[in-house]
Amino acid sequence: MTTSQTSELLTNVLIVDDDADIRALLADYLEGHACKALQAGDGEEMWKAIQRQHVDIVVLDLNLPGVDGLSLCRDLRTRSSLPVIMLTARSSSLDRVMGLETGADDYVCKPFEPLELLSRIRSVLRRTQFSQTHHSTEPQKVRFAGWTLDLTARHLVNPDGVIMSLSGAEFRLLKIFLDHPNRVLNRDQLMGLIQGRDATAFDRSIDLQVSRLRQKVEVDPKSPVIIKTVRNEGYVLAAATKVS
């Protein structure tokens, strides 16, 4: 196999972190596991790297000088479909939720082992590639309780025909409920379906995401009739669905 053929098989990972030591550590590890590591210390360097060369996935630190990671993730979502893994502080579940809300595909809490990040990178890329491969054969719209989720445009249409935008996290969570109508899903199941991981005892990100989704689809979010809470069990989409 030639050098050019080998390079085509590499996963180009852009590491965006203002800590040069962390970038170097991750780069060394990833390059030993079929990846080509690109580095950026802030948002400006990130955009330059994306413009200069092909990038498969972005590993984005939340706390950056200048424009922070949340803002950069939001901008990335408006400009491209690049997968993003957010690096967040272990102590802040709100940071993790906000990262998912702005469109991050997954998150890794600091401190972490490079092997964990590599596993997340591979998992996100598998989900992304599967979605792209099966996109044309899947239904394009799902209707429920007067609402319509457009799977192509990734937005929600209310019963009056008004388009409502969804964050990446809201879209993924609603799609999961629509794929399992009238079935109770607990936190571990929801976290596994969304992120491929189990919920921890202190991880309330699913509850916060459900609450935000209810703000979009419920007439009275405090007394939900579409996404209901089943005490001591989880959540259920209490509506029939129709795909087209």
C-alpha atoms as a PDB file:
ATOM      1  CA  MET A   1       0.000   0.000   0.000  1.00  0.00           C
ATOM      2  CA  THR A   2       1.381   3.416  -0.982  1.00  0.00           C
ATOM      3  CA  THR A   3       1.742   6.387   1.350  1.00  0.00           C
ATOM      4  CA  SER A   4      -1.103   8.223  -0.402  1.00  0.00           C
ATOM      5  CA  GLN A   5      -3.383   5.171  -0.085  1.00  0.00           C
ATOM      6  CA  THR A   6      -2.576   4.885   3.604  1.00  0.00           C
ATOM      7  CA  SER A   7      -3.368   8.567   4.228  1.00  0.00           C
ATOM      8  CA  GLU A   8      -6.793   8.135   2.643  1.00  0.00           C
ATOM      9  CA  LEU A   9      -7.674   5.612   5.350  1.00  0.00           C
ATOM     10  CA  LEU A  10      -6.803   7.971   8.198  1.00  0.00           C
ATOM     11  CA  THR A  11      -9.489   9.747  10.197  1.00  0.00           C
ATOM     12  CA  ASN A  12      -8.714  13.466  10.264  1.00  0.00           C
ATOM     13  CA  VAL A  13      -9.401  14.681  13.800  1.00  0.00           C
ATOM     14  CA  LEU A  14      -9.216  18.402  14.536  1.00  0.00           C
ATOM     15  CA  ILE A  15      -8.350  19.014  18.202  1.00  0.00           C
ATOM     16  CA  VAL A  16      -9.376  22.502  19.366  1.00  0.00           C
ATOM     17  CA  ASP A  17      -7.963  23.245  22.824  1.00  0.00           C
ATOM     18  CA  ASP A  18      -5.936  26.155  24.186  1.00  0.00           C
ATOM     19  CA  ASP A  19      -3.766  23.796  26.253  1.00  0.00           C
ATOM     20  CA  ALA A  20      -0.829  22.876  24.009  1.00  0.00           C
ATOM     21  CA  ASP A  21       0.181  19.963  26.251  1.00  0.00           C
ATOM     22  CA  ILE A  22      -3.270  18.373  25.991  1.00  0.00           C
ATOM     23  CA  ARG A  23      -3.285  18.856  22.217  1.00  0.00           C
ATOM     24  CA  ALA A  24       0.148  17.246  21.887  1.00  0.00           C
ATOM     25  CA  LEU A  25      -0.808  14.308  24.131  1.00  0.00           C
ATOM     26  CA  LEU A  26      -4.005  13.609  22.213  1.00  0.00           C
ATOM     27  CA  ALA A  27      -2.313  14.068  18.850  1.00  0.00           C
ATOM     28  CA  ASP A  28       0.414  11.542  19.709  1.00  0.00           C
ATOM     29  CA  TYR A  29      -2.141   9.007  20.905  1.00  0.00           C
ATOM     30  CA  LEU A  30      -4.575   9.411  17.997  1.00  0.00           C
ATOM     31  CA  GLU A  31      -1.828   9.238  15.398  1.00  0.00           C
ATOM     32  CA  GLY A  32      -0.928   5.835  16.778  1.00  0.00           C
ATOM     33  CA  HIS A  33      -4.493   4.653  16.112  1.00  0.00           C
ATOM     34  CA  ALA A  34      -5.228   5.306  12.433  1.00  0.00           C
ATOM     35  CA  CYS A  35      -5.897   9.025  12.863  1.00  0.00           C
ATOM     36  CA  LYS A  36      -4.297  12.171  11.552  1.00  0.00           C
ATOM     37  CA  ALA A  37      -4.383  14.809  14.294  1.00  0.00           C
ATOM     38  CA  LEU A  38      -4.830  18.451  13.329  1.00  0.00           C
ATOM     39  CA  GLN A  39      -4.473  21.099  16.042  1.00  0.00           C
ATOM     40  CA  ALA A  40      -5.960  24.518  16.814  1.00  0.00           C
ATOM     41  CA  GLY A  41      -5.603  26.673  19.924  1.00  0.00           C
ATOM     42  CA  ASP A  42      -8.722  28.799  19.431  1.00  0.00           C
ATOM     43  CA  GLY A  43     -11.673  29.455  17.159  1.00  0.00           C
ATOM     44  CA  GLU A  44      -9.724  31.459  14.605  1.00  0.00           C
ATOM     45  CA  GLU A  45      -7.213  28.645  14.151  1.00  0.00           C
ATOM     46  CA  MET A  46     -10.071  26.137  13.984  1.00  0.00           C
ATOM     47  CA  TRP A  47     -11.719  27.881  11.012  1.00  0.00           C
ATOM     48  CA  LYS A  48      -8.381  28.179   9.220  1.00  0.00           C
ATOM     49  CA  ALA A  49      -7.710  24.457   9.699  1.00  0.00           C
ATOM     50  CA  ILE A  50     -11.161  23.535   8.347  1.00  0.00           C
ATOM     51  CA  GLN A  51     -10.638  25.745   5.305  1.00  0.00           C
ATOM     52  CA  ARG A  52      -7.145  24.363   4.590  1.00  0.00           C
ATOM     53  CA  GLN A  53      -7.849  20.648   4.698  1.00  0.00           C
ATOM     54  CA  HIS A  54     -10.433  17.904   5.024  1.00  0.00           C
ATOM     55  CA  VAL A  55     -11.681  17.285   8.582  1.00  0.00           C
ATOM     56  CA  ASP A  56     -13.749  14.230   9.604  1.00  0.00           C
ATOM     57  CA  ILE A  57     -14.550  15.227  13.182  1.00  0.00           C
ATOM     58  CA  VAL A  58     -13.852  18.092  15.602  1.00  0.00           C
ATOM     59  CA  VAL A  59     -12.871  17.611  19.249  1.00  0.00           C
ATOM     60  CA  LEU A  60     -13.798  20.947  20.777  1.00  0.00           C
ATOM     61  CA  ASP A  61     -12.921  22.228  24.248  1.00  0.00           C
ATOM     62  CA  LEU A  62     -15.691  24.152  25.973  1.00  0.00           C
ATOM     63  CA  ASN A  63     -13.450  26.762  27.596  1.00  0.00           C
ATOM     64  CA  LEU A  64     -11.454  28.620  24.971  1.00  0.00           C
ATOM     65  CA  PRO A  65      -9.995  32.123  24.840  1.00  0.00           C
ATOM     66  CA  GLY A  66     -12.002  34.560  22.745  1.00  0.00           C
ATOM     67  CA  VAL A  67     -15.006  32.773  21.262  1.00  0.00           C
ATOM     68  CA  ASP A  68     -15.978  29.881  23.566  1.00  0.00           C
ATOM     69  CA  GLY A  69     -16.635  26.304  22.525  1.00  0.00           C
ATOM     70  CA  LEU A  70     -20.429  26.572  22.752  1.00  0.00           C
ATOM     71  CA  SER A  71     -20.495  29.504  20.327  1.00  0.00           C
ATOM     72  CA  LEU A  72     -18.091  27.745  17.976  1.00  0.00           C
ATOM     73  CA  CYS A  73     -20.201  24.582  18.038  1.00  0.00           C
ATOM     74  CA  ARG A  74     -23.314  26.620  17.247  1.00  0.00           C
ATOM     75  CA  ASP A  75     -21.528  28.308  14.332  1.00  0.00           C
ATOM     76  CA  LEU A  76     -20.275  24.959  13.050  1.00  0.00           C
ATOM     77  CA  ARG A  77     -23.824  23.641  13.006  1.00  0.00           C
ATOM     78  CA  THR A  78     -25.014  26.537  10.857  1.00  0.00           C
ATOM     79  CA  ARG A  79     -22.140  26.117   8.377  1.00  0.00           C
ATOM     80  CA  SER A  80     -21.507  22.381   8.159  1.00  0.00           C
ATOM     81  CA  SER A  81     -22.525  18.892   9.248  1.00  0.00           C
ATOM     82  CA  LEU A  82     -19.126  18.077  10.781  1.00  0.00           C
ATOM     83  CA  PRO A  83     -19.470  15.789  13.816  1.00  0.00           C
ATOM     84  CA  VAL A  84     -18.407  17.479  17.068  1.00  0.00           C
ATOM     85  CA  ILE A  85     -17.315  15.996  20.386  1.00  0.00           C
ATOM     86  CA  MET A  86     -17.286  18.522  23.219  1.00  0.00           C
ATOM     87  CA  LEU A  87     -14.723  18.421  26.022  1.00  0.00           C
ATOM     88  CA  THR A  88     -16.362  19.582  29.258  1.00  0.00           C
ATOM     89  CA  ALA A  89     -15.638  19.880  32.977  1.00  0.00           C
ATOM     90  CA  ARG A  90     -16.723  16.797  34.919  1.00  0.00           C
ATOM     91  CA  SER A  91     -18.405  18.918  37.607  1.00  0.00           C
ATOM     92  CA  SER A  92     -20.839  20.696  35.310  1.00  0.00           C
ATOM     93  CA  SER A  93     -23.798  18.713  33.944  1.00  0.00           C
ATOM     94  CA  LEU A  94     -25.240  22.006  32.680  1.00  0.00           C
ATOM     95  CA  ASP A  95     -22.192  22.467  30.430  1.00  0.00           C
ATOM     96  CA  ARG A  96     -22.770  19.009  28.991  1.00  0.00           C
ATOM     97  CA  VAL A  97     -26.425  19.726  28.300  1.00  0.00           C
ATOM     98  CA  MET A  98     -25.621  23.082  26.729  1.00  0.00           C
ATOM     99  CA  GLY A  99     -23.035  21.403  24.518  1.00  0.00           C
ATOM    100  CA  LEU A 100     -25.608  18.892  23.281  1.00  0.00           C
ATOM    101  CA  GLU A 101     -28.169  21.664  22.860  1.00  0.00           C
ATOM    102  CA  THR A 102     -25.863  23.590  20.529  1.00  0.00           C
ATOM    103  CA  GLY A 103     -25.463  20.532  18.340  1.00  0.00           C
ATOM    104  CA  ALA A 104     -22.537  18.540  19.744  1.00  0.00           C
ATOM    105  CA  ASP A 105     -22.785  14.843  18.892  1.00  0.00           C
ATOM    106  CA  ASP A 106     -21.201  13.662  22.137  1.00  0.00           C
ATOM    107  CA  TYR A 107     -19.180  14.898  25.100  1.00  0.00           C
ATOM    108  CA  VAL A 108     -16.184  13.702  27.077  1.00  0.00           C
ATOM    109  CA  CYS A 109     -15.578  14.916  30.610  1.00  0.00           C
ATOM    110  CA  LYS A 110     -12.173  16.113  31.761  1.00  0.00           C
ATOM    111  CA  PRO A 111     -10.028  14.494  32.992  1.00  0.00           C
ATOM    112  CA  PHE A 112     -10.300  11.558  30.617  1.00  0.00           C
ATOM    113  CA  GLU A 113      -8.225   8.747  29.155  1.00  0.00           C
ATOM    114  CA  PRO A 114      -7.240   9.107  25.472  1.00  0.00           C
ATOM    115  CA  LEU A 115      -8.724   5.650  24.888  1.00  0.00           C
ATOM    116  CA  GLU A 116     -12.140   6.965  25.960  1.00  0.00           C
ATOM    117  CA  LEU A 117     -11.933   9.825  23.483  1.00  0.00           C
ATOM    118  CA  LEU A 118     -10.862   7.453  20.702  1.00  0.00           C
ATOM    119  CA  SER A 119     -13.853   5.246  21.492  1.00  0.00           C
ATOM    120  CA  ARG A 120     -16.195   8.250  21.333  1.00  0.00           C
ATOM    121  CA  ILE A 121     -14.691   9.367  18.029  1.00  0.00           C
ATOM    122  CA  ARG A 122     -15.248   5.951  16.485  1.00  0.00           C
ATOM    123  CA  SER A 123     -18.788   5.721  17.877  1.00  0.00           C
ATOM    124  CA  VAL A 124     -19.820   9.144  16.568  1.00  0.00           C
ATOM    125  CA  LEU A 125     -18.347   8.448  13.136  1.00  0.00           C
ATOM    126  CA  ARG A 126     -20.166   5.100  12.958  1.00  0.00           C
ATOM    127  CA  ARG A 127     -23.485   6.791  13.772  1.00  0.00           C
ATOM    128  CA  THR A 128     -22.814   9.559  11.260  1.00  0.00           C
ATOM    129  CA  GLN A 129     -21.869   7.149   8.481  1.00  0.00           C
ATOM    130  CA  PHE A 130     -24.865   4.911   9.209  1.00  0.00           C
ATOM    131  CA  SER A 131     -27.215   7.909   9.080  1.00  0.00           C
ATOM    132  CA  GLN A 132     -25.773   9.088   5.771  1.00  0.00           C
ATOM    133  CA  THR A 133     -25.924   5.593   4.240  1.00  0.00           C
ATOM    134  CA  HIS A 134     -29.545   4.966   5.242  1.00  0.00           C
ATOM    135  CA  HIS A 135     -30.852   8.487   4.809  1.00  0.00           C
ATOM    136  CA  SER A 136     -32.426   7.933   1.379  1.00  0.00           C
ATOM    137  CA  THR A 137     -34.351   4.821   2.465  1.00  0.00           C
ATOM    138  CA  GLU A 138     -35.828   6.272   5.645  1.00  0.00           C
ATOM    139  CA  PRO A 139     -39.158   8.083   5.889  1.00  0.00           C
ATOM    140  CA  GLN A 140     -38.827  11.838   5.529  1.00  0.00           C
ATOM    141  CA  LYS A 141     -41.534  12.968   7.970  1.00  0.00           C
ATOM    142  CA  VAL A 142     -43.099  11.675  11.164  1.00  0.00           C
ATOM    143  CA  ARG A 143     -46.488  12.987  12.346  1.00  0.00           C
ATOM    144  CA  PHE A 144     -47.693  12.822  15.943  1.00  0.00           C
ATOM    145  CA  ALA A 145     -50.416  14.613  17.936  1.00  0.00           C
ATOM    146  CA  GLY A 146     -50.838  17.227  15.192  1.00  0.00           C
ATOM    147  CA  TRP A 147     -47.088  17.879  14.968  1.00  0.00           C
ATOM    148  CA  THR A 148     -44.716  16.930  12.124  1.00  0.00           C
ATOM    149  CA  LEU A 149     -41.008  16.235  12.459  1.00  0.00           C
ATOM    150  CA  ASP A 150     -39.206  16.823   9.159  1.00  0.00           C
ATOM    151  CA  LEU A 151     -36.250  14.425   9.173  1.00  0.00           C
ATOM    152  CA  THR A 152     -34.598  16.042   6.179  1.00  0.00           C
ATOM    153  CA  ALA A 153     -34.787  19.678   7.271  1.00  0.00           C
ATOM    154  CA  ARG A 154     -34.453  18.625  10.945  1.00  0.00           C
ATOM    155  CA  HIS A 155     -37.186  20.977  12.093  1.00  0.00           C
ATOM    156  CA  LEU A 156     -40.577  20.673  13.727  1.00  0.00           C
ATOM    157  CA  VAL A 157     -43.871  21.932  12.320  1.00  0.00           C
ATOM    158  CA  ASN A 158     -46.609  22.729  14.849  1.00  0.00           C
ATOM    159  CA  PRO A 159     -50.336  21.998  14.323  1.00  0.00           C
ATOM    160  CA  ASP A 160     -50.790  25.499  12.834  1.00  0.00           C
ATOM    161  CA  GLY A 161     -48.107  24.877  10.212  1.00  0.00           C
ATOM    162  CA  VAL A 162     -45.483  27.086  11.882  1.00  0.00           C
ATOM    163  CA  ILE A 163     -41.898  25.839  11.591  1.00  0.00           C
ATOM    164  CA  MET A 164     -40.000  25.558  14.875  1.00  0.00           C
ATOM    165  CA  SER A 165     -36.230  25.063  14.995  1.00  0.00           C
ATOM    166  CA  LEU A 166     -34.706  22.271  17.039  1.00  0.00           C
ATOM    167  CA  SER A 167     -31.262  21.962  18.543  1.00  0.00           C
ATOM    168  CA  GLY A 168     -29.269  18.864  17.678  1.00  0.00           C
ATOM    169  CA  ALA A 169     -30.039  17.347  21.083  1.00  0.00           C
ATOM    170  CA  GLU A 170     -33.758  18.099  20.820  1.00  0.00           C
ATOM    171  CA  PHE A 171     -33.949  16.546  17.358  1.00  0.00           C
ATOM    172  CA  ARG A 172     -32.160  13.348  18.424  1.00  0.00           C
ATOM    173  CA  LEU A 173     -34.264  12.939  21.570  1.00  0.00           C
ATOM    174  CA  LEU A 174     -37.572  13.540  19.772  1.00  0.00           C
ATOM    175  CA  LYS A 175     -36.565  11.113  17.017  1.00  0.00           C
ATOM    176  CA  ILE A 176     -35.901   8.439  19.634  1.00  0.00           C
ATOM    177  CA  PHE A 177     -39.326   8.952  21.225  1.00  0.00           C
ATOM    178  CA  LEU A 178     -40.969   8.786  17.790  1.00  0.00           C
ATOM    179  CA  ASP A 179     -39.096   5.572  17.007  1.00  0.00           C
ATOM    180  CA  HIS A 180     -40.522   4.043  20.226  1.00  0.00           C
ATOM    181  CA  PRO A 181     -44.081   5.425  20.605  1.00  0.00           C
ATOM    182  CA  ASN A 182     -46.097   4.382  23.667  1.00  0.00           C
ATOM    183  CA  ARG A 183     -43.080   2.633  25.133  1.00  0.00           C
ATOM    184  CA  VAL A 184     -41.604   3.666  28.476  1.00  0.00           C
ATOM    185  CA  LEU A 185     -37.901   4.500  28.169  1.00  0.00           C
ATOM    186  CA  ASN A 186     -35.759   4.990  31.273  1.00  0.00           C
ATOM    187  CA  ARG A 187     -32.738   7.297  31.546  1.00  0.00           C
ATOM    188  CA  ASP A 188     -30.220   4.544  30.801  1.00  0.00           C
ATOM    189  CA  GLN A 189     -32.099   3.531  27.655  1.00  0.00           C
ATOM    190  CA  LEU A 190     -32.398   7.118  26.449  1.00  0.00           C
ATOM    191  CA  MET A 191     -28.744   7.880  27.171  1.00  0.00           C
ATOM    192  CA  GLY A 192     -27.705   4.685  25.431  1.00  0.00           C
ATOM    193  CA  LEU A 193     -29.792   5.451  22.343  1.00  0.00           C
ATOM    194  CA  ILE A 194     -28.577   9.051  22.166  1.00  0.00           C
ATOM    195  CA  GLN A 195     -24.942   8.743  23.177  1.00  0.00           C
ATOM    196  CA  GLY A 196     -24.181   5.046  23.362  1.00  0.00           C
ATOM    197  CA  ARG A 197     -23.543   5.167  27.112  1.00  0.00           C
ATOM    198  CA  ASP A 198     -25.291   4.566  30.431  1.00  0.00           C
ATOM    199  CA  ALA A 199     -26.513   7.451  32.557  1.00  0.00           C
ATOM    200  CA  THR A 200     -24.561   8.003  35.758  1.00  0.00           C
ATOM    201  CA  ALA A 201     -26.200   8.451  39.135  1.00  0.00           C
ATOM    202  CA  PHE A 202     -25.636  12.208  38.985  1.00  0.00           C
ATOM    203  CA  ASP A 203     -26.269  12.750  35.286  1.00  0.00           C
ATOM    204  CA  ARG A 204     -29.553  14.634  34.907  1.00  0.00           C
ATOM    205  CA  SER A 205     -28.931  15.746  31.338  1.00  0.00           C
ATOM    206  CA  ILE A 206     -31.757  13.548  30.012  1.00  0.00           C
ATOM    207  CA  ASP A 207     -34.244  15.165  32.406  1.00  0.00           C
ATOM    208  CA  LEU A 208     -33.148  18.629  31.308  1.00  0.00           C
ATOM    209  CA  GLN A 209     -33.383  17.701  27.634  1.00  0.00           C
ATOM    210  CA  VAL A 210     -36.890  16.263  28.111  1.00  0.00           C
ATOM    211  CA  SER A 211     -37.893  19.457  29.897  1.00  0.00           C
ATOM    212  CA  ARG A 212     -36.598  21.596  27.015  1.00  0.00           C
ATOM    213  CA  LEU A 213     -38.388  19.419  24.457  1.00  0.00           C
ATOM    214  CA  ARG A 214     -41.633  19.731  26.378  1.00  0.00           C
ATOM    215  CA  GLN A 215     -41.323  23.497  26.145  1.00  0.00           C
ATOM    216  CA  LYS A 216     -41.581  23.048  22.373  1.00  0.00           C
ATOM    217  CA  VAL A 217     -44.391  20.494  21.997  1.00  0.00           C
ATOM    218  CA  GLU A 218     -46.626  20.741  25.064  1.00  0.00           C
ATOM    219  CA  VAL A 219     -49.462  23.231  25.531  1.00  0.00           C
ATOM    220  CA  ASP A 220     -48.704  23.138  29.265  1.00  0.00           C
ATOM    221  CA  PRO A 221     -45.176  21.780  29.890  1.00  0.00           C
ATOM    222  CA  LYS A 222     -45.990  21.379  33.594  1.00  0.00           C
ATOM    223  CA  SER A 223     -48.861  19.018  32.723  1.00  0.00           C
ATOM    224  CA  PRO A 224     -47.530  17.168  29.679  1.00  0.00           C
ATOM    225  CA  VAL A 225     -49.849  15.014  27.586  1.00  0.00           C
ATOM    226  CA  ILE A 226     -47.480  14.089  24.741  1.00  0.00           C
ATOM    227  CA  ILE A 227     -44.223  13.247  26.534  1.00  0.00           C
ATOM    228  CA  LYS A 228     -45.348  11.893  29.875  1.00  0.00           C
ATOM    229  CA  THR A 229     -43.404  10.941  32.977  1.00  0.00           C
ATOM    230  CA  VAL A 230     -43.981   7.423  34.286  1.00  0.00           C
ATOM    231  CA  ARG A 231     -43.109   7.548  37.959  1.00  0.00           C
ATOM    232  CA  ASN A 232     -40.011   5.537  38.903  1.00  0.00           C
ATOM    233  CA  GLU A 233     -39.755   4.212  35.339  1.00  0.00           C
ATOM    234  CA  GLY A 234     -38.965   6.936  32.810  1.00  0.00           C
ATOM    235  CA  TYR A 235     -40.665   8.773  29.958  1.00  0.00           C
ATOM    236  CA  VAL A 236     -43.129   7.789  27.237  1.00  0.00           C
ATOM    237  CA  LEU A 237     -44.356   9.405  24.019  1.00  0.00           C
ATOM    238  CA  ALA A 238     -48.107   8.991  24.555  1.00  0.00           C
ATOM    239  CA  ALA A 239     -49.165   9.515  20.935  1.00  0.00           C
ATOM    240  CA  ALA A 240     -49.636   7.535  17.750  1.00  0.00           C
ATOM    241  CA  THR A 241     -47.126   8.191  14.981  1.00  0.00           C
ATOM    242  CA  LYS A 242     -47.440   8.139  11.196  1.00  0.00           C
ATOM    243  CA  VAL A 243     -44.437   8.125   8.861  1.00  0.00           C
ATOM    244  CA  SER A 244     -44.319   9.307   5.259  1.00  0.00           C
END
